Structure formats: structure tokens, C-alpha cells
Amino acid sequence: MENLAKAIVESMNLFSQFMDKWANEQANVASTTEIPVGDSIASIFSNMVVFLAQLSNEILALI
């Protein structure tokens, strides 16, 4: 459970870093680079949702 909580925090940090770079025009979501920023943001957000679901399941199992 501790690892899931850490993963959620790290994912939120990565997500905020990407959004900060996008807001400051240091990254272009529509870019066709090797690893498009939009795909990275979507991947991080999707991982966050999975981590939250797993953490919720573990908390519910303890209750």
C-alpha cells in the first residue's frame, strides 16, 4: 500500500511538471516528436487512475 501511495505522488509530480512545461510553452502537446508530450501526459494520468483504484481496493480490503 505504501508503494502505491508513493507511485500516486510521483505520478502527480510528473503530471504537474508536464503541465507546467506545456503552460510555459516549453512543450507542445501537438508535437510529433519521438515521445509526444500529449501521449506522455495521457499515460501518466492513466497510471494515476490505476494506482488510485488499486490503493482504494487495498484500503477497502482492510476495512
PDB file of N, CA and C in Angstrom:
ATOM      1  N   MET A   1       0.829  -1.186   0.000  1.00  0.00           N
ATOM      2  CA  MET A   1       0.000   0.000   0.000  1.00  0.00           C
ATOM      3  C   MET A   1       0.876   1.253   0.000  1.00  0.00           C
ATOM      4  N   GLU A   2       1.983   1.186   0.717  1.00  0.00           N
ATOM      5  CA  GLU A   2       2.885   2.335   0.769  1.00  0.00           C
ATOM      6  C   GLU A   2       3.474   2.627  -0.609  1.00  0.00           C
ATOM      7  N   ASN A   3       3.809   1.564  -1.342  1.00  0.00           N
ATOM      8  CA  ASN A   3       4.365   1.747  -2.686  1.00  0.00           C
ATOM      9  C   ASN A   3       3.345   2.372  -3.636  1.00  0.00           C
ATOM     10  N   LEU A   4       2.083   1.988  -3.497  1.00  0.00           N
ATOM     11  CA  LEU A   4       1.041   2.585  -4.330  1.00  0.00           C
ATOM     12  C   LEU A   4       0.886   4.066  -4.023  1.00  0.00           C
ATOM     13  N   ALA A   5       0.926   4.406  -2.738  1.00  0.00           N
ATOM     14  CA  ALA A   5       0.816   5.817  -2.354  1.00  0.00           C
ATOM     15  C   ALA A   5       1.984   6.613  -2.924  1.00  0.00           C
ATOM     16  N   LYS A   6       3.183   6.044  -2.869  1.00  0.00           N
ATOM     17  CA  LYS A   6       4.358   6.727  -3.433  1.00  0.00           C
ATOM     18  C   LYS A   6       4.220   6.870  -4.945  1.00  0.00           C
ATOM     19  N   ALA A   7       3.710   5.834  -5.601  1.00  0.00           N
ATOM     20  CA  ALA A   7       3.521   5.887  -7.055  1.00  0.00           C
ATOM     21  C   ALA A   7       2.534   6.979  -7.430  1.00  0.00           C
ATOM     22  N   ILE A   8       1.480   7.143  -6.643  1.00  0.00           N
ATOM     23  CA  ILE A   8       0.486   8.192  -6.914  1.00  0.00           C
ATOM     24  C   ILE A   8       1.128   9.568  -6.775  1.00  0.00           C
ATOM     25  N   VAL A   9       1.914   9.759  -5.722  1.00  0.00           N
ATOM     26  CA  VAL A   9       2.575  11.048  -5.510  1.00  0.00           C
ATOM     27  C   VAL A   9       3.551  11.340  -6.639  1.00  0.00           C
ATOM     28  N   GLU A  10       4.343  10.346  -7.038  1.00  0.00           N
ATOM     29  CA  GLU A  10       5.295  10.533  -8.137  1.00  0.00           C
ATOM     30  C   GLU A  10       4.566  10.837  -9.446  1.00  0.00           C
ATOM     31  N   SER A  11       3.469  10.140  -9.696  1.00  0.00           N
ATOM     32  CA  SER A  11       2.691  10.383 -10.916  1.00  0.00           C
ATOM     33  C   SER A  11       2.134  11.796 -10.933  1.00  0.00           C
ATOM     34  N   MET A  12       1.646  12.251  -9.785  1.00  0.00           N
ATOM     35  CA  MET A  12       1.127  13.615  -9.702  1.00  0.00           C
ATOM     36  C   MET A  12       2.238  14.627  -9.945  1.00  0.00           C
ATOM     37  N   ASN A  13       3.439  14.356  -9.431  1.00  0.00           N
ATOM     38  CA  ASN A  13       4.570  15.257  -9.667  1.00  0.00           C
ATOM     39  C   ASN A  13       4.932  15.305 -11.151  1.00  0.00           C
ATOM     40  N   LEU A  14       4.997  14.145 -11.791  1.00  0.00           N
ATOM     41  CA  LEU A  14       5.307  14.110 -13.226  1.00  0.00           C
ATOM     42  C   LEU A  14       4.240  14.834 -14.033  1.00  0.00           C
ATOM     43  N   PHE A  15       2.986  14.586 -13.693  1.00  0.00           N
ATOM     44  CA  PHE A  15       1.876  15.227 -14.390  1.00  0.00           C
ATOM     45  C   PHE A  15       1.967  16.741 -14.266  1.00  0.00           C
ATOM     46  N   SER A  16       2.249  17.226 -13.061  1.00  0.00           N
ATOM     47  CA  SER A  16       2.332  18.680 -12.860  1.00  0.00           C
ATOM     48  C   SER A  16       3.540  19.272 -13.587  1.00  0.00           C
ATOM     49  N   GLN A  17       4.650  18.525 -13.658  1.00  0.00           N
ATOM     50  CA  GLN A  17       5.819  19.013 -14.396  1.00  0.00           C
ATOM     51  C   GLN A  17       5.503  19.152 -15.882  1.00  0.00           C
ATOM     52  N   PHE A  18       4.836  18.131 -16.453  1.00  0.00           N
ATOM     53  CA  PHE A  18       4.457  18.212 -17.860  1.00  0.00           C
ATOM     54  C   PHE A  18       3.515  19.383 -18.107  1.00  0.00           C
ATOM     55  N   MET A  19       2.523  19.546 -17.236  1.00  0.00           N
ATOM     56  CA  MET A  19       1.562  20.635 -17.413  1.00  0.00           C
ATOM     57  C   MET A  19       2.249  21.998 -17.274  1.00  0.00           C
ATOM     58  N   ASP A  20       3.216  22.093 -16.375  1.00  0.00           N
ATOM     59  CA  ASP A  20       3.961  23.335 -16.185  1.00  0.00           C
ATOM     60  C   ASP A  20       4.754  23.676 -17.444  1.00  0.00           C
ATOM     61  N   LYS A  21       5.419  22.667 -18.016  1.00  0.00           N
ATOM     62  CA  LYS A  21       6.193  22.905 -19.243  1.00  0.00           C
ATOM     63  C   LYS A  21       5.277  23.293 -20.400  1.00  0.00           C
ATOM     64  N   TRP A  22       4.116  22.667 -20.470  1.00  0.00           N
ATOM     65  CA  TRP A  22       3.159  22.981 -21.525  1.00  0.00           C
ATOM     66  C   TRP A  22       2.636  24.405 -21.340  1.00  0.00           C
ATOM     67  N   ALA A  23       2.319  24.776 -20.102  1.00  0.00           N
ATOM     68  CA  ALA A  23       1.807  26.121 -19.824  1.00  0.00           C
ATOM     69  C   ALA A  23       2.842  27.193 -20.128  1.00  0.00           C
ATOM     70  N   ASN A  24       4.108  26.878 -19.947  1.00  0.00           N
ATOM     71  CA  ASN A  24       5.182  27.831 -20.214  1.00  0.00           C
ATOM     72  C   ASN A  24       5.716  27.718 -21.638  1.00  0.00           C
ATOM     73  N   GLU A  25       4.970  27.001 -22.473  1.00  0.00           N
ATOM     74  CA  GLU A  25       5.303  26.823 -23.884  1.00  0.00           C
ATOM     75  C   GLU A  25       6.678  26.206 -24.100  1.00  0.00           C
ATOM     76  N   GLN A  26       7.099  25.356 -23.182  1.00  0.00           N
ATOM     77  CA  GLN A  26       8.353  24.615 -23.343  1.00  0.00           C
ATOM     78  C   GLN A  26       8.097  23.248 -23.956  1.00  0.00           C
ATOM     79  N   ALA A  27       6.830  22.890 -24.093  1.00  0.00           N
ATOM     80  CA  ALA A  27       6.456  21.618 -24.696  1.00  0.00           C
ATOM     81  C   ALA A  27       5.189  21.845 -25.521  1.00  0.00           C
ATOM     82  N   ASN A  28       5.083  21.118 -26.593  1.00  0.00           N
ATOM     83  CA  ASN A  28       3.930  21.247 -27.467  1.00  0.00           C
ATOM     84  C   ASN A  28       3.185  19.918 -27.493  1.00  0.00           C
ATOM     85  N   VAL A  29       1.962  19.904 -27.023  1.00  0.00           N
ATOM     86  CA  VAL A  29       1.184  18.668 -26.951  1.00  0.00           C
ATOM     87  C   VAL A  29       0.931  18.107 -28.345  1.00  0.00           C
ATOM     88  N   ALA A  30       0.803  18.965 -29.339  1.00  0.00           N
ATOM     89  CA  ALA A  30       0.522  18.509 -30.698  1.00  0.00           C
ATOM     90  C   ALA A  30       1.782  18.082 -31.439  1.00  0.00           C
ATOM     91  N   SER A  31       2.901  18.190 -30.805  1.00  0.00           N
ATOM     92  CA  SER A  31       4.188  17.871 -31.429  1.00  0.00           C
ATOM     93  C   SER A  31       4.270  16.408 -31.858  1.00  0.00           C
ATOM     94  N   THR A  32       4.989  16.161 -32.917  1.00  0.00           N
ATOM     95  CA  THR A  32       5.192  14.789 -33.383  1.00  0.00           C
ATOM     96  C   THR A  32       6.632  14.360 -33.118  1.00  0.00           C
ATOM     97  N   THR A  33       7.092  14.611 -31.926  1.00  0.00           N
ATOM     98  CA  THR A  33       8.436  14.190 -31.548  1.00  0.00           C
ATOM     99  C   THR A  33       8.439  12.690 -31.306  1.00  0.00           C
ATOM    100  N   GLU A  34       9.605  12.139 -30.966  1.00  0.00           N
ATOM    101  CA  GLU A  34       9.704  10.702 -30.710  1.00  0.00           C
ATOM    102  C   GLU A  34       8.714  10.252 -29.646  1.00  0.00           C
ATOM    103  N   ILE A  35       8.621  11.020 -28.567  1.00  0.00           N
ATOM    104  CA  ILE A  35       7.673  10.724 -27.496  1.00  0.00           C
ATOM    105  C   ILE A  35       6.792  11.963 -27.335  1.00  0.00           C
ATOM    106  N   PRO A  36       5.651  11.978 -27.992  1.00  0.00           N
ATOM    107  CA  PRO A  36       4.780  13.155 -27.904  1.00  0.00           C
ATOM    108  C   PRO A  36       4.362  13.444 -26.464  1.00  0.00           C
ATOM    109  N   VAL A  37       4.389  14.709 -26.100  1.00  0.00           N
ATOM    110  CA  VAL A  37       4.040  15.130 -24.740  1.00  0.00           C
ATOM    111  C   VAL A  37       2.611  14.737 -24.402  1.00  0.00           C
ATOM    112  N   GLY A  38       1.710  14.871 -25.358  1.00  0.00           N
ATOM    113  CA  GLY A  38       0.314  14.506 -25.118  1.00  0.00           C
ATOM    114  C   GLY A  38       0.176  13.051 -24.728  1.00  0.00           C
ATOM    115  N   ASP A  39       0.906  12.171 -25.412  1.00  0.00           N
ATOM    116  CA  ASP A  39       0.863  10.754 -25.075  1.00  0.00           C
ATOM    117  C   ASP A  39       1.437  10.505 -23.688  1.00  0.00           C
ATOM    118  N   SER A  40       2.505  11.218 -23.353  1.00  0.00           N
ATOM    119  CA  SER A  40       3.104  11.061 -22.033  1.00  0.00           C
ATOM    120  C   SER A  40       2.147  11.499 -20.937  1.00  0.00           C
ATOM    121  N   ILE A  41       1.477  12.633 -21.151  1.00  0.00           N
ATOM    122  CA  ILE A  41       0.511  13.128 -20.168  1.00  0.00           C
ATOM    123  C   ILE A  41      -0.631  12.124 -20.007  1.00  0.00           C
ATOM    124  N   ALA A  42      -1.131  11.603 -21.106  1.00  0.00           N
ATOM    125  CA  ALA A  42      -2.226  10.627 -21.048  1.00  0.00           C
ATOM    126  C   ALA A  42      -1.785   9.360 -20.323  1.00  0.00           C
ATOM    127  N   SER A  43      -0.565   8.928 -20.577  1.00  0.00           N
ATOM    128  CA  SER A  43      -0.044   7.725 -19.931  1.00  0.00           C
ATOM    129  C   SER A  43       0.105   7.917 -18.432  1.00  0.00           C
ATOM    130  N   ILE A  44       0.656   9.052 -18.028  1.00  0.00           N
ATOM    131  CA  ILE A  44       0.832   9.340 -16.597  1.00  0.00           C
ATOM    132  C   ILE A  44      -0.526   9.423 -15.918  1.00  0.00           C
ATOM    133  N   PHE A  45      -1.481  10.111 -16.544  1.00  0.00           N
ATOM    134  CA  PHE A  45      -2.811  10.254 -15.954  1.00  0.00           C
ATOM    135  C   PHE A  45      -3.486   8.891 -15.828  1.00  0.00           C
ATOM    136  N   SER A  46      -3.355   8.058 -16.851  1.00  0.00           N
ATOM    137  CA  SER A  46      -3.962   6.734 -16.819  1.00  0.00           C
ATOM    138  C   SER A  46      -3.328   5.874 -15.726  1.00  0.00           C
ATOM    139  N   ASN A  47      -2.009   5.976 -15.559  1.00  0.00           N
ATOM    140  CA  ASN A  47      -1.342   5.234 -14.479  1.00  0.00           C
ATOM    141  C   ASN A  47      -1.829   5.714 -13.113  1.00  0.00           C
ATOM    142  N   MET A  48      -2.022   7.026 -12.962  1.00  0.00           N
ATOM    143  CA  MET A  48      -2.518   7.570 -11.698  1.00  0.00           C
ATOM    144  C   MET A  48      -3.882   6.979 -11.358  1.00  0.00           C
ATOM    145  N   VAL A  49      -4.752   6.881 -12.353  1.00  0.00           N
ATOM    146  CA  VAL A  49      -6.084   6.328 -12.128  1.00  0.00           C
ATOM    147  C   VAL A  49      -5.983   4.865 -11.692  1.00  0.00           C
ATOM    148  N   VAL A  50      -5.118   4.096 -12.345  1.00  0.00           N
ATOM    149  CA  VAL A  50      -4.931   2.691 -11.982  1.00  0.00           C
ATOM    150  C   VAL A  50      -4.389   2.579 -10.561  1.00  0.00           C
ATOM    151  N   PHE A  51      -3.387   3.398 -10.221  1.00  0.00           N
ATOM    152  CA  PHE A  51      -2.813   3.363  -8.875  1.00  0.00           C
ATOM    153  C   PHE A  51      -3.863   3.702  -7.824  1.00  0.00           C
ATOM    154  N   LEU A  52      -4.681   4.724  -8.097  1.00  0.00           N
ATOM    155  CA  LEU A  52      -5.733   5.110  -7.159  1.00  0.00           C
ATOM    156  C   LEU A  52      -6.754   3.983  -6.969  1.00  0.00           C
ATOM    157  N   ALA A  53      -7.100   3.316  -8.057  1.00  0.00           N
ATOM    158  CA  ALA A  53      -8.052   2.201  -7.972  1.00  0.00           C
ATOM    159  C   ALA A  53      -7.470   1.059  -7.145  1.00  0.00           C
ATOM    160  N   GLN A  54      -6.190   0.744  -7.379  1.00  0.00           N
ATOM    161  CA  GLN A  54      -5.552  -0.325  -6.615  1.00  0.00           C
ATOM    162  C   GLN A  54      -5.464   0.032  -5.141  1.00  0.00           C
ATOM    163  N   LEU A  55      -5.099   1.269  -4.855  1.00  0.00           N
ATOM    164  CA  LEU A  55      -4.998   1.713  -3.472  1.00  0.00           C
ATOM    165  C   LEU A  55      -6.365   1.667  -2.793  1.00  0.00           C
ATOM    166  N   SER A  56      -7.401   2.096  -3.507  1.00  0.00           N
ATOM    167  CA  SER A  56      -8.751   2.050  -2.955  1.00  0.00           C
ATOM    168  C   SER A  56      -9.169   0.618  -2.634  1.00  0.00           C
ATOM    169  N   ASN A  57      -8.840  -0.302  -3.555  1.00  0.00           N
ATOM    170  CA  ASN A  57      -9.161  -1.718  -3.312  1.00  0.00           C
ATOM    171  C   ASN A  57      -8.448  -2.248  -2.087  1.00  0.00           C
ATOM    172  N   GLU A  58      -7.179  -1.896  -1.917  1.00  0.00           N
ATOM    173  CA  GLU A  58      -6.430  -2.352  -0.753  1.00  0.00           C
ATOM    174  C   GLU A  58      -6.982  -1.766   0.546  1.00  0.00           C
ATOM    175  N   ILE A  59      -7.382  -0.504   0.510  1.00  0.00           N
ATOM    176  CA  ILE A  59      -7.964   0.135   1.704  1.00  0.00           C
ATOM    177  C   ILE A  59      -9.302  -0.524   2.044  1.00  0.00           C
ATOM    178  N   LEU A  60     -10.115  -0.775   1.026  1.00  0.00           N
ATOM    179  CA  LEU A  60     -11.407  -1.432   1.249  1.00  0.00           C
ATOM    180  C   LEU A  60     -11.228  -2.850   1.797  1.00  0.00           C
ATOM    181  N   ALA A  61     -10.189  -3.542   1.359  1.00  0.00           N
ATOM    182  CA  ALA A  61      -9.918  -4.891   1.864  1.00  0.00           C
ATOM    183  C   ALA A  61      -9.550  -4.867   3.342  1.00  0.00           C
ATOM    184  N   LEU A  62      -8.918  -3.772   3.776  1.00  0.00           N
ATOM    185  CA  LEU A  62      -8.546  -3.653   5.191  1.00  0.00           C
ATOM    186  C   LEU A  62      -9.735  -3.327   6.083  1.00  0.00           C
ATOM    187  N   ILE A  63     -10.749  -2.713   5.500  1.00  0.00           N
ATOM    188  CA  ILE A  63     -11.931  -2.310   6.286  1.00  0.00           C
ATOM    189  C   ILE A  63     -12.835  -3.447   6.458  1.00  0.00           C
TER     190      ILE A  63
END
